[in-house]
Amino acid sequence: QVQLVESGGGLVQPGGSLRLSCAASGRIFSINVMGWYRQAPGKQREFVALITSDSTTTYADSVKGRFTISRDNAKNTVYLHMASLKPEDTAVYYCNAVVHSDRYYDMWGQGTQVTVSS
């Protein structure tokens, strides 16, 4: 059974930094796109960043220049380094990955809370 497990959320002051991690486990042949989404209270889930298997990255305009997505293929892990955090970055952050196991799965993590507040 393939699953994604996130870690690294927490409370940080405005202007601070956090790094989120998301590790895929189970019988995995390969992982194509890995990405991060977020959902603030009362709002729809929105795209944050993604990285392809050849490390091409795409970012939402709201996080460009502040967030960096990376991956470690040997560890089946994707990271999101968040810097210059703002209160409006407060949300539950979800990891997403297209995983090739016995078939292709579009997987989601359980979510990790990020709160930016003084």
N, C-alpha and C. Protein backbone atom coordinates (compact mmCIF):
# COMPACT_ATOMS: atom_id res chain seq x y z
N GLN A 1 0.85 -1.19 0.00
CA GLN A 1 0.00 0.00 0.00
C GLN A 1 0.88 1.24 0.00
N VAL A 2 0.64 2.12 -0.94
CA VAL A 2 1.43 3.34 -1.05
C VAL A 2 0.79 4.43 -0.22
N GLN A 3 1.60 5.19 0.48
CA GLN A 3 1.08 6.33 1.22
C GLN A 3 2.10 7.45 1.23
N LEU A 4 1.57 8.67 1.47
CA LEU A 4 2.40 9.87 1.60
C LEU A 4 2.28 10.36 3.03
N VAL A 5 3.41 10.66 3.64
CA VAL A 5 3.42 11.17 5.02
C VAL A 5 4.17 12.48 5.05
N GLU A 6 3.47 13.51 5.53
CA GLU A 6 4.05 14.86 5.59
C GLU A 6 4.56 15.16 6.99
N SER A 7 5.49 16.08 7.07
CA SER A 7 5.99 16.57 8.34
C SER A 7 6.57 17.97 8.15
N GLY A 8 6.77 18.67 9.27
CA GLY A 8 7.46 19.94 9.22
C GLY A 8 6.62 21.18 9.43
N GLY A 9 5.32 21.02 9.57
CA GLY A 9 4.49 22.20 9.80
C GLY A 9 4.68 22.75 11.20
N GLY A 10 4.03 23.88 11.47
CA GLY A 10 4.13 24.47 12.79
C GLY A 10 3.78 25.94 12.80
N LEU A 11 4.12 26.58 13.90
CA LEU A 11 3.87 28.02 14.09
C LEU A 11 5.17 28.78 13.85
N VAL A 12 5.08 29.83 13.04
CA VAL A 12 6.26 30.63 12.75
C VAL A 12 5.84 32.09 12.67
N GLN A 13 6.76 32.97 13.01
CA GLN A 13 6.47 34.40 12.95
C GLN A 13 6.57 34.90 11.51
N PRO A 14 5.88 35.98 11.21
CA PRO A 14 6.02 36.58 9.87
C PRO A 14 7.48 36.87 9.55
N GLY A 15 7.87 36.55 8.33
CA GLY A 15 9.26 36.71 7.92
C GLY A 15 10.11 35.49 8.17
N GLY A 16 9.57 34.53 8.89
CA GLY A 16 10.32 33.32 9.23
C GLY A 16 10.30 32.28 8.11
N SER A 17 10.90 31.13 8.42
CA SER A 17 11.03 30.04 7.45
C SER A 17 10.59 28.72 8.05
N LEU A 18 10.15 27.83 7.18
CA LEU A 18 9.82 26.46 7.55
C LEU A 18 10.16 25.57 6.37
N ARG A 19 10.46 24.30 6.66
CA ARG A 19 10.62 23.33 5.59
C ARG A 19 9.67 22.16 5.82
N LEU A 20 8.85 21.90 4.80
CA LEU A 20 7.94 20.76 4.83
C LEU A 20 8.58 19.60 4.08
N SER A 21 8.29 18.40 4.56
CA SER A 21 8.75 17.18 3.89
C SER A 21 7.56 16.28 3.63
N CYS A 22 7.66 15.49 2.57
CA CYS A 22 6.62 14.52 2.25
C CYS A 22 7.30 13.29 1.68
N ALA A 23 7.17 12.17 2.40
CA ALA A 23 7.82 10.93 1.98
C ALA A 23 6.79 9.93 1.52
N ALA A 24 7.05 9.34 0.37
CA ALA A 24 6.20 8.27 -0.15
C ALA A 24 6.79 6.92 0.26
N SER A 25 5.91 6.02 0.67
CA SER A 25 6.37 4.69 1.07
C SER A 25 5.48 3.62 0.46
N GLY A 26 6.00 2.41 0.44
CA GLY A 26 5.27 1.30 -0.17
C GLY A 26 6.03 0.77 -1.37
N ARG A 27 5.34 -0.03 -2.17
CA ARG A 27 5.97 -0.61 -3.35
C ARG A 27 5.88 0.40 -4.49
N ILE A 28 6.98 1.10 -4.73
CA ILE A 28 7.01 2.21 -5.69
C ILE A 28 8.02 1.92 -6.78
N PHE A 29 7.56 2.01 -8.02
CA PHE A 29 8.48 1.88 -9.15
C PHE A 29 9.05 3.23 -9.54
N SER A 30 8.18 4.24 -9.54
CA SER A 30 8.63 5.58 -9.87
C SER A 30 7.57 6.57 -9.42
N ILE A 31 7.98 7.83 -9.32
CA ILE A 31 7.05 8.91 -8.99
C ILE A 31 7.22 9.99 -10.04
N ASN A 32 6.16 10.35 -10.68
CA ASN A 32 6.21 11.38 -11.71
C ASN A 32 6.19 12.76 -11.05
N VAL A 33 5.08 13.45 -11.15
CA VAL A 33 4.98 14.78 -10.58
C VAL A 33 4.75 14.71 -9.08
N MET A 34 5.43 15.57 -8.34
CA MET A 34 5.19 15.74 -6.91
C MET A 34 4.90 17.21 -6.68
N GLY A 35 3.97 17.48 -5.78
CA GLY A 35 3.61 18.87 -5.60
C GLY A 35 3.04 19.17 -4.23
N TRP A 36 2.82 20.45 -4.00
CA TRP A 36 2.22 20.93 -2.77
C TRP A 36 1.03 21.81 -3.09
N TYR A 37 -0.01 21.65 -2.28
CA TYR A 37 -1.21 22.47 -2.35
C TYR A 37 -1.50 22.95 -0.93
N ARG A 38 -2.37 23.94 -0.82
CA ARG A 38 -2.74 24.40 0.52
C ARG A 38 -4.19 24.81 0.55
N GLN A 39 -4.75 24.76 1.75
CA GLN A 39 -6.14 25.16 1.93
C GLN A 39 -6.25 25.96 3.21
N ALA A 40 -6.63 27.23 3.05
CA ALA A 40 -6.85 28.11 4.19
C ALA A 40 -8.29 27.98 4.64
N PRO A 41 -8.58 28.33 5.89
CA PRO A 41 -9.94 28.22 6.40
C PRO A 41 -10.94 28.98 5.53
N GLY A 42 -12.01 28.31 5.16
CA GLY A 42 -13.04 28.95 4.36
C GLY A 42 -12.71 29.14 2.90
N LYS A 43 -11.57 28.61 2.46
CA LYS A 43 -11.17 28.76 1.06
C LYS A 43 -10.97 27.39 0.41
N GLN A 44 -10.94 27.41 -0.92
CA GLN A 44 -10.69 26.18 -1.66
C GLN A 44 -9.21 25.84 -1.63
N ARG A 45 -8.94 24.56 -1.84
CA ARG A 45 -7.55 24.13 -1.94
C ARG A 45 -6.93 24.77 -3.19
N GLU A 46 -5.69 25.26 -3.04
CA GLU A 46 -5.02 25.92 -4.16
C GLU A 46 -3.63 25.35 -4.38
N PHE A 47 -3.20 25.47 -5.61
CA PHE A 47 -1.87 25.00 -6.01
C PHE A 47 -0.79 25.90 -5.43
N VAL A 48 0.30 25.28 -4.98
CA VAL A 48 1.44 26.03 -4.46
C VAL A 48 2.66 25.84 -5.36
N ALA A 49 3.07 24.57 -5.57
CA ALA A 49 4.27 24.31 -6.37
C ALA A 49 4.28 22.85 -6.79
N LEU A 50 4.98 22.57 -7.90
CA LEU A 50 5.17 21.18 -8.30
C LEU A 50 6.56 21.00 -8.89
N ILE A 51 6.99 19.76 -8.91
CA ILE A 51 8.28 19.41 -9.49
C ILE A 51 8.12 18.09 -10.24
N THR A 52 8.64 18.06 -11.46
CA THR A 52 8.53 16.85 -12.28
C THR A 52 9.69 15.91 -11.99
N SER A 53 9.64 14.76 -12.64
CA SER A 53 10.68 13.75 -12.41
C SER A 53 12.05 14.23 -12.87
N ASP A 54 12.09 15.18 -13.81
CA ASP A 54 13.38 15.72 -14.25
C ASP A 54 13.68 17.05 -13.57
N SER A 55 12.96 17.32 -12.47
CA SER A 55 13.20 18.49 -11.60
C SER A 55 12.81 19.82 -12.20
N THR A 56 11.95 19.81 -13.18
CA THR A 56 11.35 21.07 -13.65
C THR A 56 10.34 21.53 -12.61
N THR A 57 10.39 22.81 -12.26
CA THR A 57 9.52 23.33 -11.20
C THR A 57 8.55 24.37 -11.73
N THR A 58 7.41 24.46 -11.05
CA THR A 58 6.38 25.45 -11.34
C THR A 58 5.86 25.97 -10.00
N TYR A 59 5.63 27.28 -9.92
CA TYR A 59 5.16 27.88 -8.68
C TYR A 59 3.92 28.74 -8.91
N ALA A 60 3.09 28.83 -7.89
CA ALA A 60 2.02 29.81 -7.90
C ALA A 60 2.66 31.20 -7.78
N ASP A 61 2.02 32.18 -8.41
CA ASP A 61 2.57 33.54 -8.37
C ASP A 61 2.73 34.05 -6.94
N SER A 62 1.83 33.63 -6.07
CA SER A 62 1.83 34.13 -4.70
C SER A 62 3.04 33.68 -3.89
N VAL A 63 3.74 32.64 -4.35
CA VAL A 63 4.88 32.13 -3.57
C VAL A 63 6.20 32.22 -4.34
N LYS A 64 6.17 32.66 -5.58
CA LYS A 64 7.41 32.76 -6.37
C LYS A 64 8.42 33.64 -5.67
N GLY A 65 9.64 33.17 -5.64
CA GLY A 65 10.71 33.93 -5.01
C GLY A 65 10.82 33.74 -3.52
N ARG A 66 9.81 33.08 -2.91
CA ARG A 66 9.83 32.85 -1.46
C ARG A 66 9.88 31.36 -1.12
N PHE A 67 9.23 30.54 -1.93
CA PHE A 67 9.17 29.09 -1.69
C PHE A 67 10.04 28.37 -2.71
N THR A 68 10.64 27.27 -2.27
CA THR A 68 11.45 26.44 -3.16
C THR A 68 11.05 24.98 -2.98
N ILE A 69 10.68 24.33 -4.08
CA ILE A 69 10.35 22.91 -4.05
C ILE A 69 11.54 22.12 -4.56
N SER A 70 11.79 20.98 -3.92
CA SER A 70 12.88 20.10 -4.36
C SER A 70 12.48 18.66 -4.06
N ARG A 71 13.23 17.72 -4.61
CA ARG A 71 12.91 16.32 -4.36
C ARG A 71 14.19 15.49 -4.27
N ASP A 72 14.08 14.40 -3.54
CA ASP A 72 15.17 13.42 -3.44
C ASP A 72 14.59 12.11 -3.94
N ASN A 73 14.90 11.76 -5.16
CA ASN A 73 14.31 10.58 -5.78
C ASN A 73 14.72 9.29 -5.07
N ALA A 74 15.92 9.26 -4.52
CA ALA A 74 16.38 8.06 -3.82
C ALA A 74 15.55 7.80 -2.57
N LYS A 75 15.02 8.87 -1.99
CA LYS A 75 14.22 8.76 -0.77
C LYS A 75 12.72 8.90 -1.04
N ASN A 76 12.34 9.06 -2.32
CA ASN A 76 10.93 9.26 -2.67
C ASN A 76 10.31 10.37 -1.83
N THR A 77 11.04 11.47 -1.71
CA THR A 77 10.63 12.56 -0.83
C THR A 77 10.65 13.88 -1.58
N VAL A 78 9.65 14.69 -1.29
CA VAL A 78 9.59 16.05 -1.83
C VAL A 78 9.62 17.03 -0.66
N TYR A 79 10.26 18.16 -0.88
CA TYR A 79 10.41 19.18 0.15
C TYR A 79 9.82 20.49 -0.33
N LEU A 80 9.39 21.31 0.63
CA LEU A 80 8.98 22.67 0.32
C LEU A 80 9.64 23.57 1.35
N HIS A 81 10.63 24.32 0.89
CA HIS A 81 11.26 25.31 1.78
C HIS A 81 10.53 26.62 1.60
N MET A 82 10.00 27.13 2.71
CA MET A 82 9.20 28.35 2.69
C MET A 82 9.95 29.44 3.46
N ALA A 83 10.20 30.55 2.82
CA ALA A 83 10.89 31.66 3.44
C ALA A 83 10.03 32.92 3.33
N SER A 84 10.41 33.93 4.10
CA SER A 84 9.67 35.21 4.09
C SER A 84 8.18 34.96 4.25
N LEU A 85 7.83 34.14 5.19
CA LEU A 85 6.44 33.74 5.36
C LEU A 85 5.57 34.92 5.78
N LYS A 86 4.33 34.90 5.28
CA LYS A 86 3.35 35.95 5.56
C LYS A 86 2.13 35.33 6.24
N PRO A 87 1.38 36.12 6.97
CA PRO A 87 0.16 35.58 7.59
C PRO A 87 -0.77 34.91 6.58
N GLU A 88 -0.80 35.41 5.38
CA GLU A 88 -1.68 34.82 4.36
C GLU A 88 -1.18 33.48 3.85
N ASP A 89 -0.01 33.04 4.27
CA ASP A 89 0.46 31.70 3.95
C ASP A 89 -0.11 30.66 4.92
N THR A 90 -0.79 31.12 5.95
CA THR A 90 -1.40 30.20 6.91
C THR A 90 -2.42 29.30 6.23
N ALA A 91 -2.24 28.00 6.39
CA ALA A 91 -3.10 27.02 5.73
C ALA A 91 -2.68 25.62 6.14
N VAL A 92 -3.50 24.66 5.77
CA VAL A 92 -3.08 23.26 5.81
C VAL A 92 -2.43 22.95 4.47
N TYR A 93 -1.22 22.44 4.53
CA TYR A 93 -0.46 22.13 3.31
C TYR A 93 -0.53 20.63 3.04
N TYR A 94 -0.87 20.32 1.79
CA TYR A 94 -1.03 18.93 1.37
C TYR A 94 -0.01 18.59 0.29
N CYS A 95 0.56 17.42 0.43
CA CYS A 95 1.46 16.87 -0.56
C CYS A 95 0.67 16.04 -1.57
N ASN A 96 1.06 16.10 -2.83
CA ASN A 96 0.43 15.32 -3.87
C ASN A 96 1.50 14.66 -4.73
N ALA A 97 1.24 13.42 -5.15
CA ALA A 97 2.20 12.74 -6.01
C ALA A 97 1.50 11.74 -6.91
N VAL A 98 1.98 11.62 -8.13
CA VAL A 98 1.51 10.59 -9.05
C VAL A 98 2.52 9.46 -8.97
N VAL A 99 2.08 8.36 -8.37
CA VAL A 99 2.98 7.26 -8.01
C VAL A 99 2.71 6.05 -8.90
N HIS A 100 3.75 5.48 -9.46
CA HIS A 100 3.65 4.26 -10.24
C HIS A 100 3.97 3.08 -9.34
N SER A 101 2.94 2.34 -8.97
CA SER A 101 3.10 1.14 -8.16
C SER A 101 2.62 -0.04 -9.00
N ASP A 102 1.62 -0.78 -8.52
CA ASP A 102 1.05 -1.82 -9.38
C ASP A 102 0.27 -1.17 -10.52
N ARG A 103 -0.14 0.07 -10.29
CA ARG A 103 -0.73 0.94 -11.30
C ARG A 103 -0.39 2.36 -10.90
N TYR A 104 -0.94 3.32 -11.65
CA TYR A 104 -0.68 4.72 -11.30
C TYR A 104 -1.71 5.19 -10.27
N TYR A 105 -1.21 5.85 -9.21
CA TYR A 105 -2.08 6.41 -8.19
C TYR A 105 -1.83 7.91 -8.08
N ASP A 106 -2.93 8.65 -7.95
CA ASP A 106 -2.83 10.08 -7.64
C ASP A 106 -3.04 10.20 -6.13
N MET A 107 -1.93 10.36 -5.41
CA MET A 107 -1.93 10.27 -3.96
C MET A 107 -1.93 11.63 -3.29
N TRP A 108 -2.56 11.69 -2.11
CA TRP A 108 -2.55 12.89 -1.27
C TRP A 108 -2.08 12.52 0.12
N GLY A 109 -1.34 13.42 0.73
CA GLY A 109 -0.96 13.27 2.12
C GLY A 109 -2.09 13.72 3.03
N GLN A 110 -1.86 13.58 4.33
CA GLN A 110 -2.91 13.88 5.30
C GLN A 110 -3.00 15.37 5.62
N GLY A 111 -1.99 16.13 5.23
CA GLY A 111 -1.98 17.57 5.50
C GLY A 111 -1.17 17.92 6.74
N THR A 112 -0.54 19.07 6.69
CA THR A 112 0.20 19.57 7.84
C THR A 112 -0.08 21.06 7.99
N GLN A 113 -0.36 21.48 9.22
CA GLN A 113 -0.77 22.86 9.47
C GLN A 113 0.45 23.78 9.52
N VAL A 114 0.35 24.88 8.79
CA VAL A 114 1.33 25.96 8.87
C VAL A 114 0.61 27.22 9.31
N THR A 115 1.06 27.79 10.41
CA THR A 115 0.46 29.01 10.94
C THR A 115 1.52 30.09 11.03
N VAL A 116 1.27 31.22 10.38
CA VAL A 116 2.19 32.35 10.39
C VAL A 116 1.53 33.46 11.19
N SER A 117 2.09 33.71 12.37
CA SER A 117 1.48 34.68 13.27
C SER A 117 2.50 35.19 14.26
N SER A 118 2.34 36.44 14.67
CA SER A 118 3.21 36.99 15.69
C SER A 118 2.58 36.83 17.07
